[in-house]
N, C-alpha and C. Protein backbone atom coordinates (compact mmCIF):
# COMPACT_ATOMS: atom_id res chain seq x y z
N MET A 1 -37.28 91.98 -97.27
CA MET A 1 -36.65 90.86 -97.91
C MET A 1 -37.10 89.56 -97.24
N ILE A 2 -37.45 88.57 -98.02
CA ILE A 2 -37.87 87.27 -97.50
C ILE A 2 -36.63 86.43 -97.22
N GLU A 3 -36.56 85.89 -96.00
CA GLU A 3 -35.43 85.05 -95.65
C GLU A 3 -35.67 83.62 -96.14
N LYS A 4 -34.62 82.99 -96.65
CA LYS A 4 -34.71 81.60 -97.09
C LYS A 4 -34.60 80.69 -95.88
N PRO A 5 -35.34 79.57 -95.88
CA PRO A 5 -35.18 78.59 -94.79
C PRO A 5 -33.75 78.06 -94.75
N THR A 6 -33.32 77.67 -93.58
CA THR A 6 -31.96 77.16 -93.40
C THR A 6 -31.89 75.66 -93.63
N LEU A 7 -30.68 75.17 -93.79
CA LEU A 7 -30.45 73.74 -93.95
C LEU A 7 -31.02 72.97 -92.77
N ARG A 8 -30.79 73.44 -91.57
CA ARG A 8 -31.29 72.77 -90.37
C ARG A 8 -32.82 72.67 -90.41
N ALA A 9 -33.50 73.73 -90.83
CA ALA A 9 -34.97 73.74 -90.89
C ALA A 9 -35.48 72.72 -91.91
N TYR A 10 -34.76 72.52 -93.00
CA TYR A 10 -35.18 71.53 -94.00
C TYR A 10 -34.96 70.10 -93.52
N LEU A 11 -33.89 69.86 -92.79
CA LEU A 11 -33.55 68.49 -92.41
C LEU A 11 -34.33 67.96 -91.22
N GLU A 12 -34.72 68.81 -90.30
CA GLU A 12 -35.38 68.35 -89.07
C GLU A 12 -36.62 67.50 -89.32
N PRO A 13 -37.51 67.83 -90.27
CA PRO A 13 -38.70 66.99 -90.45
C PRO A 13 -38.52 65.79 -91.38
N VAL A 14 -37.35 65.63 -91.98
CA VAL A 14 -37.13 64.56 -92.95
C VAL A 14 -36.76 63.26 -92.23
N ALA A 15 -37.27 62.14 -92.74
CA ALA A 15 -36.97 60.82 -92.15
C ALA A 15 -35.46 60.60 -92.10
N PRO A 16 -34.93 60.11 -90.98
CA PRO A 16 -33.49 59.95 -90.80
C PRO A 16 -32.80 59.05 -91.82
N GLU A 17 -33.50 58.06 -92.35
CA GLU A 17 -32.88 57.13 -93.30
C GLU A 17 -32.91 57.63 -94.74
N THR A 18 -33.45 58.82 -94.98
CA THR A 18 -33.51 59.39 -96.33
C THR A 18 -32.11 59.65 -96.86
N GLY A 19 -31.85 59.24 -98.10
CA GLY A 19 -30.58 59.53 -98.75
C GLY A 19 -30.45 61.03 -98.97
N LEU A 20 -29.23 61.55 -98.83
CA LEU A 20 -29.04 63.00 -98.87
C LEU A 20 -27.71 63.36 -99.52
N LEU A 21 -27.75 64.38 -100.35
CA LEU A 21 -26.55 64.99 -100.91
C LEU A 21 -26.67 66.49 -100.67
N ILE A 22 -25.67 67.07 -100.01
CA ILE A 22 -25.67 68.51 -99.75
C ILE A 22 -24.55 69.14 -100.53
N LEU A 23 -24.91 70.16 -101.32
CA LEU A 23 -23.95 70.91 -102.12
C LEU A 23 -23.87 72.33 -101.60
N HIS A 24 -22.67 72.89 -101.58
CA HIS A 24 -22.47 74.29 -101.18
C HIS A 24 -22.19 75.09 -102.44
N HIS A 25 -23.06 76.05 -102.73
CA HIS A 25 -22.89 76.93 -103.90
C HIS A 25 -21.90 78.02 -103.50
N MET A 26 -20.72 77.97 -104.10
CA MET A 26 -19.64 78.86 -103.71
C MET A 26 -19.47 80.07 -104.62
N GLY A 27 -20.11 80.04 -105.78
CA GLY A 27 -19.98 81.14 -106.73
C GLY A 27 -20.54 80.71 -108.07
N ALA A 28 -20.30 81.53 -109.07
CA ALA A 28 -20.82 81.26 -110.40
C ALA A 28 -20.36 79.88 -110.88
N ASP A 29 -21.31 78.97 -111.02
CA ASP A 29 -21.04 77.60 -111.48
C ASP A 29 -19.96 76.88 -110.68
N CYS A 30 -19.85 77.19 -109.41
CA CYS A 30 -18.86 76.54 -108.54
C CYS A 30 -19.59 75.95 -107.33
N TYR A 31 -19.52 74.62 -107.23
CA TYR A 31 -20.20 73.91 -106.15
C TYR A 31 -19.23 72.96 -105.47
N GLU A 32 -19.47 72.72 -104.18
CA GLU A 32 -18.66 71.77 -103.42
C GLU A 32 -19.60 70.81 -102.71
N ALA A 33 -19.40 69.51 -102.88
CA ALA A 33 -20.20 68.52 -102.16
C ALA A 33 -19.70 68.48 -100.72
N ILE A 34 -20.60 68.68 -99.76
CA ILE A 34 -20.17 68.68 -98.37
C ILE A 34 -20.73 67.51 -97.57
N HIS A 35 -21.69 66.78 -98.15
CA HIS A 35 -22.20 65.59 -97.47
C HIS A 35 -22.87 64.66 -98.47
N SER A 36 -22.61 63.39 -98.30
CA SER A 36 -23.28 62.35 -99.07
C SER A 36 -23.53 61.19 -98.11
N GLY A 37 -24.77 60.84 -97.91
CA GLY A 37 -25.12 59.77 -96.98
C GLY A 37 -26.59 59.85 -96.64
N THR A 38 -26.91 59.73 -95.37
CA THR A 38 -28.30 59.83 -94.94
C THR A 38 -28.49 61.12 -94.13
N VAL A 39 -29.75 61.46 -93.90
CA VAL A 39 -30.05 62.62 -93.07
C VAL A 39 -29.52 62.39 -91.65
N ARG A 40 -29.66 61.16 -91.15
CA ARG A 40 -29.15 60.84 -89.81
C ARG A 40 -27.65 61.13 -89.74
N ASP A 41 -26.90 60.67 -90.75
CA ASP A 41 -25.45 60.90 -90.76
C ASP A 41 -25.13 62.40 -90.76
N ALA A 42 -25.88 63.16 -91.54
CA ALA A 42 -25.64 64.61 -91.61
C ALA A 42 -25.92 65.28 -90.27
N MET A 43 -26.99 64.85 -89.61
CA MET A 43 -27.34 65.45 -88.32
C MET A 43 -26.32 65.09 -87.23
N LEU A 44 -25.73 63.89 -87.32
CA LEU A 44 -24.76 63.46 -86.31
C LEU A 44 -23.35 63.99 -86.58
N SER A 45 -23.09 64.35 -87.82
CA SER A 45 -21.76 64.86 -88.17
C SER A 45 -21.69 66.36 -87.90
N ARG A 46 -20.54 66.91 -88.13
CA ARG A 46 -20.37 68.36 -87.95
C ARG A 46 -20.98 69.13 -89.11
N CYS A 47 -21.46 68.44 -90.14
CA CYS A 47 -22.03 69.10 -91.32
C CYS A 47 -23.13 70.08 -90.93
N VAL A 48 -24.11 69.61 -90.17
CA VAL A 48 -25.23 70.48 -89.78
C VAL A 48 -24.79 71.48 -88.73
N GLU A 49 -23.86 71.08 -87.87
CA GLU A 49 -23.35 72.01 -86.87
C GLU A 49 -22.69 73.21 -87.54
N VAL A 50 -21.92 72.94 -88.59
CA VAL A 50 -21.18 74.01 -89.28
C VAL A 50 -22.05 74.75 -90.30
N CYS A 51 -22.88 74.03 -91.03
CA CYS A 51 -23.63 74.62 -92.16
C CYS A 51 -25.12 74.75 -91.90
N GLY A 52 -25.59 74.44 -90.71
CA GLY A 52 -27.02 74.42 -90.42
C GLY A 52 -27.72 75.74 -90.60
N ASP A 53 -27.00 76.86 -90.46
CA ASP A 53 -27.63 78.17 -90.59
C ASP A 53 -27.51 78.76 -91.99
N HIS A 54 -26.95 78.00 -92.92
CA HIS A 54 -26.85 78.47 -94.30
C HIS A 54 -28.22 78.40 -94.98
N PRO A 55 -28.56 79.40 -95.78
CA PRO A 55 -29.86 79.37 -96.46
C PRO A 55 -29.87 78.34 -97.58
N VAL A 56 -31.01 77.69 -97.76
CA VAL A 56 -31.18 76.71 -98.82
C VAL A 56 -31.58 77.43 -100.10
N GLU A 57 -30.82 77.20 -101.17
CA GLU A 57 -31.10 77.82 -102.45
C GLU A 57 -31.96 76.94 -103.34
N LYS A 58 -31.78 75.62 -103.22
CA LYS A 58 -32.49 74.71 -104.12
C LYS A 58 -32.65 73.35 -103.46
N VAL A 59 -33.80 72.71 -103.71
CA VAL A 59 -34.06 71.36 -103.24
C VAL A 59 -34.53 70.55 -104.44
N ALA A 60 -33.95 69.39 -104.63
CA ALA A 60 -34.33 68.51 -105.74
C ALA A 60 -34.33 67.07 -105.23
N VAL A 61 -34.98 66.20 -105.97
CA VAL A 61 -35.00 64.78 -105.65
C VAL A 61 -34.53 64.02 -106.86
N ASP A 62 -33.56 63.13 -106.66
CA ASP A 62 -33.05 62.28 -107.73
C ASP A 62 -33.64 60.90 -107.53
N VAL A 63 -34.46 60.48 -108.50
CA VAL A 63 -35.07 59.16 -108.44
C VAL A 63 -34.50 58.36 -109.59
N ASP A 64 -33.69 57.39 -109.25
CA ASP A 64 -33.05 56.56 -110.26
C ASP A 64 -33.83 55.27 -110.39
N ASP A 65 -34.04 54.82 -111.60
CA ASP A 65 -34.82 53.60 -111.79
C ASP A 65 -33.95 52.35 -111.89
N TRP A 66 -32.68 52.47 -111.58
CA TRP A 66 -31.81 51.29 -111.59
C TRP A 66 -32.14 50.43 -110.39
N PRO A 67 -32.03 49.11 -110.52
CA PRO A 67 -32.37 48.22 -109.41
C PRO A 67 -31.49 48.37 -108.17
N ASP A 68 -30.28 48.89 -108.31
CA ASP A 68 -29.40 49.00 -107.15
C ASP A 68 -29.59 50.29 -106.37
N THR A 69 -30.53 51.13 -106.78
CA THR A 69 -30.81 52.37 -106.06
C THR A 69 -32.05 52.15 -105.20
N PRO A 70 -31.87 52.00 -103.88
CA PRO A 70 -32.99 51.61 -103.03
C PRO A 70 -34.06 52.68 -102.82
N SER A 71 -33.69 53.94 -102.89
CA SER A 71 -34.68 54.99 -102.62
C SER A 71 -34.24 56.30 -103.25
N PRO A 72 -35.15 57.25 -103.32
CA PRO A 72 -34.78 58.57 -103.84
C PRO A 72 -33.73 59.25 -102.97
N VAL A 73 -32.98 60.17 -103.56
CA VAL A 73 -31.97 60.93 -102.83
C VAL A 73 -32.38 62.40 -102.85
N LEU A 74 -32.41 63.01 -101.69
CA LEU A 74 -32.72 64.42 -101.54
C LEU A 74 -31.44 65.21 -101.80
N ILE A 75 -31.51 66.18 -102.71
CA ILE A 75 -30.34 67.00 -103.04
C ILE A 75 -30.64 68.43 -102.60
N ILE A 76 -29.83 68.94 -101.69
CA ILE A 76 -30.02 70.29 -101.16
C ILE A 76 -28.80 71.13 -101.49
N THR A 77 -29.04 72.29 -102.08
CA THR A 77 -27.96 73.24 -102.37
C THR A 77 -28.09 74.41 -101.42
N ILE A 78 -27.00 74.67 -100.68
CA ILE A 78 -26.99 75.79 -99.75
C ILE A 78 -26.11 76.91 -100.28
N GLY A 79 -26.37 78.11 -99.80
CA GLY A 79 -25.57 79.26 -100.18
C GLY A 79 -24.68 79.71 -99.04
N LYS A 80 -24.24 80.94 -99.11
CA LYS A 80 -23.41 81.49 -98.05
C LYS A 80 -24.23 81.70 -96.80
N GLU A 81 -23.58 81.63 -95.65
CA GLU A 81 -24.27 81.81 -94.38
C GLU A 81 -24.88 83.20 -94.33
N ALA A 82 -26.12 83.27 -93.83
CA ALA A 82 -26.81 84.54 -93.72
C ALA A 82 -26.08 85.46 -92.75
N GLU A 83 -25.98 86.71 -93.12
CA GLU A 83 -25.32 87.68 -92.24
C GLU A 83 -26.29 88.10 -91.16
N THR A 84 -25.79 88.22 -89.94
CA THR A 84 -26.65 88.60 -88.82
C THR A 84 -26.42 90.03 -88.43
């Protein structure tokens, strides 16, 4: 079985000022937003400490063309923590 990269592995190489939204996939069509801000904020908060070992299910980028949106936002969906 191929292991999915973890949230921590995805965030470490990303620029700290990158906009970020992290969603936790909890079940069939059930998601919980667990972080909205920058990568730096996520790394400094308990978000990565608590969810850093969760496998990443999906990565997307939201690019809005409205003038008030300064940059793209990275959207990461994580699943349940991998069993050890």
